[in-house]
Amino acid sequence: MAIDGIKDYVTVIVGVITAISTLTAVLITNLFSLKLAKEKTKSETSQKSKEHRLQKLEEFYFLFEKWSINVIGQYSVFLKCYRGTLSYKATLEVNKTSVTLEPDDHQKLLMLLNVYFRELVNEYRSVENARDQISPFFSNPADTQLSANDLEKALKNFVKASEQFKSKLSEYADDLC
């Protein structure tokens, strides 16, 4: 009878060992599945974040392009005024009707820059500085000591600064992808 009792204990012990082994295997499998799920979630979150920033960069680029074209257009009309081929009054009328910006486009541009792309603020300052150089020409040439040649140089400088900034934006987009 002692042998039968030992057989019963062996059967129970083998069953317990089998159950523990099975539960351990399930636990290990679940741990690896959890780790994989966390990595997948992290990867998906990172990808969505990149896509969101890229979308904001596209919006920023579009607004910047729209704004710079508007600035160039307005000052090109003033260049005609400074050259004497268009009166100051006519210049103001042309600029009033040819504005391509919505009232808050420049604010949106600055908001996107300061919220999403703070690392580009210094590069953007060069564009603002170039714009500041042409700002004095936004007045009646009869009231200023400014010349058409000075405006033309300042306008070329603004165009160059804008193109360089757009190039930086393209590089930034490449880095996001």
N, C-alpha and C. Protein backbone atom coordinates (compact mmCIF):
# COMPACT_ATOMS: atom_id res chain seq x y z
N MET A 1 0.79 -1.16 0.00
CA MET A 1 0.00 0.00 0.00
C MET A 1 0.85 1.26 0.00
N ALA A 2 2.01 1.17 0.52
CA ALA A 2 2.91 2.31 0.54
C ALA A 2 3.29 2.71 -0.87
N ILE A 3 3.39 1.73 -1.73
CA ILE A 3 3.77 2.04 -3.11
C ILE A 3 2.60 2.74 -3.80
N ASP A 4 1.38 2.31 -3.52
CA ASP A 4 0.22 2.97 -4.13
C ASP A 4 0.11 4.41 -3.65
N GLY A 5 0.40 4.67 -2.39
CA GLY A 5 0.36 6.02 -1.83
C GLY A 5 1.41 6.91 -2.47
N ILE A 6 2.60 6.33 -2.70
CA ILE A 6 3.67 7.09 -3.33
C ILE A 6 3.29 7.41 -4.77
N LYS A 7 2.65 6.44 -5.47
CA LYS A 7 2.20 6.68 -6.85
C LYS A 7 1.19 7.82 -6.90
N ASP A 8 0.31 7.84 -5.91
CA ASP A 8 -0.69 8.91 -5.85
C ASP A 8 -0.01 10.27 -5.64
N TYR A 9 0.97 10.28 -4.72
CA TYR A 9 1.69 11.53 -4.46
C TYR A 9 2.48 11.97 -5.70
N VAL A 10 3.08 11.02 -6.39
CA VAL A 10 3.86 11.32 -7.60
C VAL A 10 2.93 11.90 -8.65
N THR A 11 1.77 11.33 -8.79
CA THR A 11 0.80 11.83 -9.77
C THR A 11 0.39 13.25 -9.44
N VAL A 12 0.14 13.50 -8.15
CA VAL A 12 -0.24 14.85 -7.72
C VAL A 12 0.93 15.82 -7.94
N ILE A 13 2.13 15.40 -7.57
CA ILE A 13 3.31 16.26 -7.73
C ILE A 13 3.55 16.55 -9.21
N VAL A 14 3.42 15.54 -10.07
CA VAL A 14 3.59 15.74 -11.52
C VAL A 14 2.52 16.70 -12.03
N GLY A 15 1.30 16.58 -11.55
CA GLY A 15 0.22 17.48 -11.96
C GLY A 15 0.50 18.91 -11.52
N VAL A 16 0.98 19.07 -10.28
CA VAL A 16 1.31 20.41 -9.77
C VAL A 16 2.45 21.01 -10.59
N ILE A 17 3.49 20.22 -10.85
CA ILE A 17 4.63 20.70 -11.64
C ILE A 17 4.17 21.09 -13.05
N THR A 18 3.32 20.28 -13.64
CA THR A 18 2.80 20.58 -14.98
C THR A 18 1.99 21.87 -14.95
N ALA A 19 1.14 22.04 -13.94
CA ALA A 19 0.33 23.24 -13.83
C ALA A 19 1.20 24.48 -13.64
N ILE A 20 2.22 24.37 -12.76
CA ILE A 20 3.13 25.49 -12.52
C ILE A 20 3.90 25.83 -13.80
N SER A 21 4.36 24.80 -14.52
CA SER A 21 5.09 25.02 -15.78
C SER A 21 4.19 25.72 -16.80
N THR A 22 2.97 25.27 -16.89
CA THR A 22 2.02 25.87 -17.85
C THR A 22 1.74 27.32 -17.49
N LEU A 23 1.48 27.56 -16.20
CA LEU A 23 1.20 28.93 -15.76
C LEU A 23 2.43 29.84 -15.97
N THR A 24 3.62 29.29 -15.72
CA THR A 24 4.85 30.06 -15.94
C THR A 24 5.00 30.40 -17.42
N ALA A 25 4.72 29.44 -18.29
CA ALA A 25 4.81 29.68 -19.73
C ALA A 25 3.81 30.74 -20.17
N VAL A 26 2.59 30.67 -19.64
CA VAL A 26 1.57 31.67 -19.96
C VAL A 26 2.01 33.05 -19.46
N LEU A 27 2.56 33.11 -18.25
CA LEU A 27 3.03 34.37 -17.68
C LEU A 27 4.15 34.96 -18.53
N ILE A 28 5.11 34.15 -18.93
CA ILE A 28 6.22 34.63 -19.76
C ILE A 28 5.70 35.11 -21.10
N THR A 29 4.79 34.38 -21.71
CA THR A 29 4.20 34.77 -22.99
C THR A 29 3.48 36.10 -22.85
N ASN A 30 2.71 36.27 -21.78
CA ASN A 30 1.99 37.52 -21.55
C ASN A 30 2.95 38.70 -21.33
N LEU A 31 4.05 38.46 -20.61
CA LEU A 31 5.03 39.52 -20.39
C LEU A 31 5.63 39.98 -21.72
N PHE A 32 5.99 39.03 -22.59
CA PHE A 32 6.54 39.40 -23.90
C PHE A 32 5.48 40.10 -24.75
N SER A 33 4.24 39.63 -24.68
CA SER A 33 3.16 40.28 -25.43
C SER A 33 2.95 41.71 -24.93
N LEU A 34 2.99 41.91 -23.63
CA LEU A 34 2.83 43.24 -23.05
C LEU A 34 3.97 44.15 -23.49
N LYS A 35 5.19 43.62 -23.47
CA LYS A 35 6.35 44.41 -23.90
C LYS A 35 6.21 44.81 -25.37
N LEU A 36 5.80 43.87 -26.21
CA LEU A 36 5.61 44.15 -27.63
C LEU A 36 4.50 45.19 -27.83
N ALA A 37 3.42 45.07 -27.08
CA ALA A 37 2.32 46.02 -27.19
C ALA A 37 2.76 47.42 -26.78
N LYS A 38 3.56 47.53 -25.72
CA LYS A 38 4.07 48.84 -25.30
C LYS A 38 4.96 49.45 -26.37
N GLU A 39 5.84 48.63 -26.96
CA GLU A 39 6.73 49.13 -28.01
C GLU A 39 5.93 49.56 -29.23
N LYS A 40 4.90 48.80 -29.58
CA LYS A 40 4.05 49.15 -30.72
C LYS A 40 3.32 50.45 -30.45
N THR A 41 2.78 50.61 -29.26
CA THR A 41 2.08 51.84 -28.88
C THR A 41 3.03 53.04 -28.93
N LYS A 42 4.22 52.85 -28.40
CA LYS A 42 5.22 53.92 -28.41
C LYS A 42 5.58 54.29 -29.84
N SER A 43 5.77 53.30 -30.69
CA SER A 43 6.10 53.55 -32.08
C SER A 43 4.96 54.27 -32.81
N GLU A 44 3.73 53.83 -32.57
CA GLU A 44 2.57 54.47 -33.21
C GLU A 44 2.41 55.91 -32.72
N THR A 45 2.63 56.13 -31.43
CA THR A 45 2.53 57.48 -30.88
C THR A 45 3.59 58.38 -31.50
N SER A 46 4.79 57.87 -31.61
CA SER A 46 5.88 58.63 -32.22
C SER A 46 5.56 58.96 -33.67
N GLN A 47 5.03 58.00 -34.39
CA GLN A 47 4.68 58.22 -35.80
C GLN A 47 3.57 59.26 -35.93
N LYS A 48 2.56 59.17 -35.08
CA LYS A 48 1.46 60.14 -35.12
C LYS A 48 1.97 61.54 -34.78
N SER A 49 2.89 61.61 -33.83
CA SER A 49 3.47 62.90 -33.45
C SER A 49 4.24 63.50 -34.62
N LYS A 50 5.01 62.67 -35.31
CA LYS A 50 5.76 63.14 -36.48
C LYS A 50 4.80 63.63 -37.57
N GLU A 51 3.75 62.85 -37.80
CA GLU A 51 2.77 63.23 -38.82
C GLU A 51 2.09 64.55 -38.46
N HIS A 52 1.77 64.72 -37.18
CA HIS A 52 1.14 65.96 -36.72
C HIS A 52 2.07 67.15 -36.92
N ARG A 53 3.34 66.99 -36.52
CA ARG A 53 4.31 68.08 -36.69
C ARG A 53 4.53 68.39 -38.17
N LEU A 54 4.55 67.36 -39.00
CA LEU A 54 4.72 67.56 -40.43
C LEU A 54 3.52 68.32 -41.00
N GLN A 55 2.33 67.98 -40.54
CA GLN A 55 1.13 68.68 -40.98
C GLN A 55 1.19 70.16 -40.56
N LYS A 56 1.63 70.42 -39.34
CA LYS A 56 1.77 71.80 -38.86
C LYS A 56 2.86 72.53 -39.64
N LEU A 57 3.92 71.83 -40.00
CA LEU A 57 4.99 72.44 -40.77
C LEU A 57 4.48 72.82 -42.17
N GLU A 58 3.67 71.96 -42.75
CA GLU A 58 3.09 72.27 -44.06
C GLU A 58 2.19 73.51 -43.96
N GLU A 59 1.39 73.58 -42.92
CA GLU A 59 0.54 74.75 -42.69
C GLU A 59 1.40 76.00 -42.50
N PHE A 60 2.45 75.87 -41.70
CA PHE A 60 3.36 76.98 -41.45
C PHE A 60 4.01 77.44 -42.76
N TYR A 61 4.49 76.49 -43.55
CA TYR A 61 5.14 76.82 -44.82
C TYR A 61 4.17 77.56 -45.74
N PHE A 62 2.95 77.06 -45.83
CA PHE A 62 1.94 77.69 -46.67
C PHE A 62 1.68 79.13 -46.22
N LEU A 63 1.51 79.33 -44.92
CA LEU A 63 1.26 80.69 -44.40
C LEU A 63 2.47 81.59 -44.62
N PHE A 64 3.66 81.06 -44.42
CA PHE A 64 4.87 81.85 -44.64
C PHE A 64 4.97 82.26 -46.11
N GLU A 65 4.74 81.32 -47.00
CA GLU A 65 4.81 81.62 -48.43
C GLU A 65 3.78 82.68 -48.80
N LYS A 66 2.58 82.53 -48.31
CA LYS A 66 1.52 83.49 -48.57
C LYS A 66 1.89 84.87 -48.04
N TRP A 67 2.43 84.92 -46.83
CA TRP A 67 2.81 86.18 -46.21
C TRP A 67 3.97 86.83 -46.97
N SER A 68 5.00 86.07 -47.32
CA SER A 68 6.16 86.65 -48.01
C SER A 68 5.77 87.14 -49.40
N ILE A 69 4.92 86.41 -50.10
CA ILE A 69 4.45 86.85 -51.41
C ILE A 69 3.67 88.16 -51.27
N ASN A 70 2.87 88.25 -50.23
CA ASN A 70 2.10 89.47 -49.98
C ASN A 70 3.04 90.66 -49.73
N VAL A 71 4.05 90.45 -48.89
CA VAL A 71 5.02 91.52 -48.59
C VAL A 71 5.74 91.94 -49.86
N ILE A 72 6.21 90.98 -50.62
CA ILE A 72 6.93 91.28 -51.87
C ILE A 72 6.02 92.04 -52.84
N GLY A 73 4.78 91.59 -52.94
CA GLY A 73 3.83 92.26 -53.84
C GLY A 73 3.56 93.70 -53.43
N GLN A 74 3.32 93.91 -52.15
CA GLN A 74 3.04 95.28 -51.70
C GLN A 74 4.23 96.20 -51.92
N TYR A 75 5.42 95.74 -51.60
CA TYR A 75 6.58 96.60 -51.76
C TYR A 75 6.99 96.75 -53.22
N SER A 76 6.63 95.80 -54.05
CA SER A 76 6.88 95.95 -55.49
C SER A 76 6.02 97.07 -56.05
N VAL A 77 4.80 97.19 -55.55
CA VAL A 77 3.94 98.30 -55.95
C VAL A 77 4.54 99.62 -55.45
N PHE A 78 5.05 99.62 -54.21
CA PHE A 78 5.69 100.83 -53.69
C PHE A 78 6.95 101.18 -54.48
N LEU A 79 7.61 100.19 -55.03
CA LEU A 79 8.79 100.46 -55.85
C LEU A 79 8.39 101.29 -57.07
N LYS A 80 7.25 100.98 -57.65
CA LYS A 80 6.74 101.79 -58.77
C LYS A 80 6.48 103.21 -58.32
N CYS A 81 5.96 103.35 -57.12
CA CYS A 81 5.70 104.68 -56.57
C CYS A 81 7.01 105.43 -56.36
N TYR A 82 8.01 104.77 -55.83
CA TYR A 82 9.31 105.41 -55.59
C TYR A 82 10.02 105.75 -56.89
N ARG A 83 9.70 105.02 -57.94
CA ARG A 83 10.30 105.32 -59.25
C ARG A 83 9.52 106.40 -59.98
N GLY A 84 8.35 106.75 -59.44
CA GLY A 84 7.57 107.82 -60.04
C GLY A 84 6.58 107.37 -61.10
N THR A 85 6.40 106.07 -61.27
CA THR A 85 5.47 105.58 -62.31
C THR A 85 4.06 105.35 -61.76
N LEU A 86 3.90 105.51 -60.46
CA LEU A 86 2.59 105.33 -59.84
C LEU A 86 2.48 106.33 -58.68
N SER A 87 1.33 106.96 -58.58
CA SER A 87 1.17 107.94 -57.49
C SER A 87 1.02 107.22 -56.15
N TYR A 88 1.26 107.96 -55.09
CA TYR A 88 1.15 107.38 -53.75
C TYR A 88 -0.28 106.93 -53.48
N LYS A 89 -1.25 107.75 -53.87
CA LYS A 89 -2.66 107.41 -53.67
C LYS A 89 -3.02 106.13 -54.44
N ALA A 90 -2.56 106.04 -55.68
CA ALA A 90 -2.83 104.84 -56.49
C ALA A 90 -2.13 103.62 -55.88
N THR A 91 -0.95 103.84 -55.35
CA THR A 91 -0.21 102.75 -54.69
C THR A 91 -1.01 102.19 -53.52
N LEU A 92 -1.56 103.08 -52.71
CA LEU A 92 -2.37 102.64 -51.57
C LEU A 92 -3.60 101.89 -52.03
N GLU A 93 -4.24 102.36 -53.09
CA GLU A 93 -5.44 101.68 -53.61
C GLU A 93 -5.11 100.30 -54.14
N VAL A 94 -4.01 100.19 -54.89
CA VAL A 94 -3.60 98.88 -55.44
C VAL A 94 -3.30 97.92 -54.30
N ASN A 95 -2.57 98.39 -53.30
CA ASN A 95 -2.22 97.52 -52.18
C ASN A 95 -3.44 97.12 -51.36
N LYS A 96 -4.40 98.00 -51.28
CA LYS A 96 -5.62 97.69 -50.51
C LYS A 96 -6.41 96.56 -51.17
N THR A 97 -6.42 96.55 -52.49
CA THR A 97 -7.21 95.55 -53.21
C THR A 97 -6.43 94.27 -53.51
N SER A 98 -5.11 94.30 -53.36
CA SER A 98 -4.33 93.12 -53.74
C SER A 98 -3.83 92.30 -52.56
N VAL A 99 -4.33 92.55 -51.37
CA VAL A 99 -3.89 91.80 -50.20
C VAL A 99 -4.41 90.37 -50.30
N THR A 100 -3.50 89.42 -50.20
CA THR A 100 -3.87 88.01 -50.31
C THR A 100 -3.96 87.32 -48.95
N LEU A 101 -3.69 88.05 -47.89
CA LEU A 101 -3.71 87.47 -46.55
C LEU A 101 -5.07 87.64 -45.90
N GLU A 102 -5.44 86.66 -45.09
CA GLU A 102 -6.59 86.81 -44.22
C GLU A 102 -6.14 87.65 -43.04
N PRO A 103 -7.05 88.28 -42.33
CA PRO A 103 -6.65 89.18 -41.23
C PRO A 103 -5.74 88.55 -40.17
N ASP A 104 -5.90 87.27 -39.91
CA ASP A 104 -5.10 86.66 -38.83
C ASP A 104 -4.03 85.68 -39.33
N ASP A 105 -3.71 85.71 -40.61
CA ASP A 105 -2.72 84.77 -41.15
C ASP A 105 -1.33 84.96 -40.53
N HIS A 106 -0.91 86.20 -40.37
CA HIS A 106 0.43 86.42 -39.80
C HIS A 106 0.46 85.99 -38.33
N GLN A 107 -0.63 86.18 -37.61
CA GLN A 107 -0.70 85.73 -36.21
C GLN A 107 -0.64 84.20 -36.15
N LYS A 108 -1.34 83.53 -37.06
CA LYS A 108 -1.28 82.07 -37.12
C LYS A 108 0.15 81.60 -37.40
N LEU A 109 0.79 82.30 -38.34
CA LEU A 109 2.16 81.97 -38.69
C LEU A 109 3.06 82.07 -37.46
N LEU A 110 2.95 83.15 -36.72
CA LEU A 110 3.78 83.34 -35.52
C LEU A 110 3.41 82.34 -34.43
N MET A 111 2.13 82.03 -34.31
CA MET A 111 1.70 81.05 -33.31
C MET A 111 2.29 79.68 -33.62
N LEU A 112 2.21 79.25 -34.86
CA LEU A 112 2.78 77.96 -35.25
C LEU A 112 4.28 77.93 -35.00
N LEU A 113 4.94 79.03 -35.33
CA LEU A 113 6.38 79.13 -35.12
C LEU A 113 6.72 78.98 -33.64
N ASN A 114 6.02 79.70 -32.80
CA ASN A 114 6.34 79.73 -31.37
C ASN A 114 5.84 78.51 -30.59
N VAL A 115 4.81 77.86 -31.09
CA VAL A 115 4.28 76.68 -30.38
C VAL A 115 4.95 75.39 -30.86
N TYR A 116 5.10 75.23 -32.17
CA TYR A 116 5.57 73.97 -32.72
C TYR A 116 7.03 73.97 -33.17
N PHE A 117 7.54 75.14 -33.55
CA PHE A 117 8.86 75.16 -34.18
C PHE A 117 9.78 76.21 -33.56
N ARG A 118 9.86 76.18 -32.25
CA ARG A 118 10.69 77.17 -31.54
C ARG A 118 12.15 77.13 -31.99
N GLU A 119 12.59 75.97 -32.45
CA GLU A 119 13.98 75.84 -32.88
C GLU A 119 14.25 76.61 -34.18
N LEU A 120 13.20 77.11 -34.84
CA LEU A 120 13.37 77.87 -36.08
C LEU A 120 13.23 79.38 -35.86
N VAL A 121 13.00 79.80 -34.63
CA VAL A 121 12.77 81.22 -34.34
C VAL A 121 13.95 82.08 -34.77
N ASN A 122 15.17 81.66 -34.49
CA ASN A 122 16.33 82.46 -34.87
C ASN A 122 16.44 82.63 -36.38
N GLU A 123 16.19 81.57 -37.12
CA GLU A 123 16.23 81.66 -38.58
C GLU A 123 15.14 82.59 -39.10
N TYR A 124 13.97 82.54 -38.45
CA TYR A 124 12.86 83.41 -38.86
C TYR A 124 13.18 84.88 -38.58
N ARG A 125 13.94 85.14 -37.55
CA ARG A 125 14.30 86.54 -37.22
C ARG A 125 15.01 87.22 -38.38
N SER A 126 15.80 86.48 -39.13
CA SER A 126 16.50 87.09 -40.26
C SER A 126 15.49 87.60 -41.30
N VAL A 127 14.37 86.88 -41.45
CA VAL A 127 13.32 87.32 -42.37
C VAL A 127 12.65 88.58 -41.82
N GLU A 128 12.34 88.57 -40.54
CA GLU A 128 11.72 89.74 -39.91
C GLU A 128 12.66 90.94 -39.97
N ASN A 129 13.95 90.72 -39.77
CA ASN A 129 14.92 91.81 -39.86
C ASN A 129 14.96 92.38 -41.28
N ALA A 130 14.91 91.51 -42.27
CA ALA A 130 14.90 91.97 -43.66
C ALA A 130 13.61 92.75 -43.95
N ARG A 131 12.51 92.29 -43.37
CA ARG A 131 11.24 93.02 -43.54
C ARG A 131 11.32 94.38 -42.86
N ASP A 132 11.95 94.44 -41.71
CA ASP A 132 12.11 95.71 -41.01
C ASP A 132 12.90 96.72 -41.86
N GLN A 133 13.79 96.20 -42.70
CA GLN A 133 14.59 97.09 -43.56
C GLN A 133 13.74 97.72 -44.66
N ILE A 134 12.64 97.06 -45.05
CA ILE A 134 11.80 97.64 -46.11
C ILE A 134 10.59 98.39 -45.54
N SER A 135 10.32 98.22 -44.26
CA SER A 135 9.17 98.89 -43.64
C SER A 135 9.17 100.41 -43.82
N PRO A 136 10.31 101.09 -43.70
CA PRO A 136 10.29 102.55 -43.86
C PRO A 136 9.80 103.00 -45.25
N PHE A 137 9.84 102.11 -46.23
CA PHE A 137 9.41 102.46 -47.58
C PHE A 137 7.89 102.41 -47.74
N PHE A 138 7.19 102.02 -46.71
CA PHE A 138 5.74 101.93 -46.75
C PHE A 138 5.13 103.29 -46.42
N SER A 139 5.69 104.30 -47.03
CA SER A 139 5.22 105.67 -46.80
C SER A 139 5.38 106.46 -48.09
N ASN A 140 4.86 107.66 -48.08
CA ASN A 140 4.91 108.52 -49.25
C ASN A 140 6.36 108.92 -49.53
N PRO A 141 6.86 108.65 -50.74
CA PRO A 141 8.24 109.02 -51.07
C PRO A 141 8.51 110.52 -50.93
N ALA A 142 7.49 111.32 -51.08
CA ALA A 142 7.66 112.77 -50.94
C ALA A 142 8.00 113.16 -49.51
N ASP A 143 7.62 112.31 -48.55
CA ASP A 143 7.85 112.60 -47.14
C ASP A 143 9.13 111.97 -46.60
N THR A 144 9.83 111.22 -47.42
CA THR A 144 11.02 110.51 -46.94
C THR A 144 12.25 110.91 -47.74
N GLN A 145 13.39 110.53 -47.27
CA GLN A 145 14.66 110.74 -47.98
C GLN A 145 15.11 109.44 -48.64
N LEU A 146 14.17 108.49 -48.82
CA LEU A 146 14.52 107.16 -49.33
C LEU A 146 14.44 107.13 -50.85
N SER A 147 15.25 106.26 -51.45
CA SER A 147 15.29 106.16 -52.92
C SER A 147 14.76 104.81 -53.40
N ALA A 148 14.42 104.79 -54.67
CA ALA A 148 13.96 103.55 -55.29
C ALA A 148 15.05 102.49 -55.25
N ASN A 149 16.30 102.91 -55.44
CA ASN A 149 17.42 101.94 -55.41
C ASN A 149 17.55 101.30 -54.03
N ASP A 150 17.36 102.10 -52.98
CA ASP A 150 17.42 101.56 -51.62
C ASP A 150 16.30 100.55 -51.38
N LEU A 151 15.11 100.89 -51.88
CA LEU A 151 13.98 99.97 -51.73
C LEU A 151 14.25 98.69 -52.50
N GLU A 152 14.79 98.82 -53.70
CA GLU A 152 15.07 97.63 -54.50
C GLU A 152 16.08 96.72 -53.80
N LYS A 153 17.12 97.30 -53.23
CA LYS A 153 18.12 96.51 -52.50
C LYS A 153 17.48 95.83 -51.28
N ALA A 154 16.69 96.59 -50.54
CA ALA A 154 16.04 96.03 -49.34
C ALA A 154 15.06 94.92 -49.73
N LEU A 155 14.36 95.11 -50.85
CA LEU A 155 13.42 94.09 -51.31
C LEU A 155 14.15 92.82 -51.74
N LYS A 156 15.27 92.97 -52.42
CA LYS A 156 16.08 91.80 -52.81
C LYS A 156 16.60 91.07 -51.57
N ASN A 157 16.98 91.83 -50.56
CA ASN A 157 17.44 91.24 -49.31
C ASN A 157 16.32 90.44 -48.63
N PHE A 158 15.11 90.99 -48.67
CA PHE A 158 13.96 90.28 -48.10
C PHE A 158 13.68 88.98 -48.86
N VAL A 159 13.72 89.05 -50.17
CA VAL A 159 13.48 87.86 -51.00
C VAL A 159 14.54 86.80 -50.69
N LYS A 160 15.78 87.22 -50.59
CA LYS A 160 16.87 86.29 -50.28
C LYS A 160 16.67 85.66 -48.90
N ALA A 161 16.34 86.46 -47.90
CA ALA A 161 16.12 85.94 -46.55
C ALA A 161 14.93 84.97 -46.53
N SER A 162 13.89 85.28 -47.29
CA SER A 162 12.71 84.40 -47.36
C SER A 162 13.07 83.07 -48.01
N GLU A 163 13.84 83.11 -49.08
CA GLU A 163 14.25 81.88 -49.76
C GLU A 163 15.14 81.02 -48.87
N GLN A 164 16.04 81.67 -48.15
CA GLN A 164 16.91 80.92 -47.23
C GLN A 164 16.09 80.27 -46.12
N PHE A 165 15.08 80.99 -45.62
CA PHE A 165 14.24 80.43 -44.57
C PHE A 165 13.42 79.26 -45.10
N LYS A 166 12.90 79.38 -46.31
CA LYS A 166 12.15 78.26 -46.89
C LYS A 166 13.05 77.05 -47.09
N SER A 167 14.30 77.29 -47.40
CA SER A 167 15.26 76.20 -47.51
C SER A 167 15.45 75.51 -46.15
N LYS A 168 15.53 76.31 -45.08
CA LYS A 168 15.64 75.76 -43.72
C LYS A 168 14.39 74.93 -43.39
N LEU A 169 13.23 75.42 -43.81
CA LEU A 169 11.99 74.67 -43.56
C LEU A 169 12.02 73.33 -44.28
N SER A 170 12.53 73.31 -45.48
CA SER A 170 12.63 72.05 -46.24
C SER A 170 13.58 71.08 -45.55
N GLU A 171 14.70 71.59 -45.07
CA GLU A 171 15.64 70.74 -44.34
C GLU A 171 14.98 70.19 -43.07
N TYR A 172 14.24 71.03 -42.40
CA TYR A 172 13.55 70.62 -41.18
C TYR A 172 12.53 69.52 -41.50
N ALA A 173 11.83 69.66 -42.59
CA ALA A 173 10.86 68.64 -43.01
C ALA A 173 11.56 67.32 -43.30
N ASP A 174 12.70 67.38 -43.94
CA ASP A 174 13.48 66.16 -44.22
C ASP A 174 13.87 65.47 -42.92
N ASP A 175 14.24 66.26 -41.92
CA ASP A 175 14.63 65.70 -40.63
C ASP A 175 13.44 65.06 -39.92
N LEU A 176 12.24 65.58 -40.15
CA LEU A 176 11.04 65.01 -39.52
C LEU A 176 10.68 63.65 -40.11
N CYS A 177 10.96 63.49 -41.39
CA CYS A 177 10.56 62.25 -42.08
C CYS A 177 11.47 61.10 -41.77
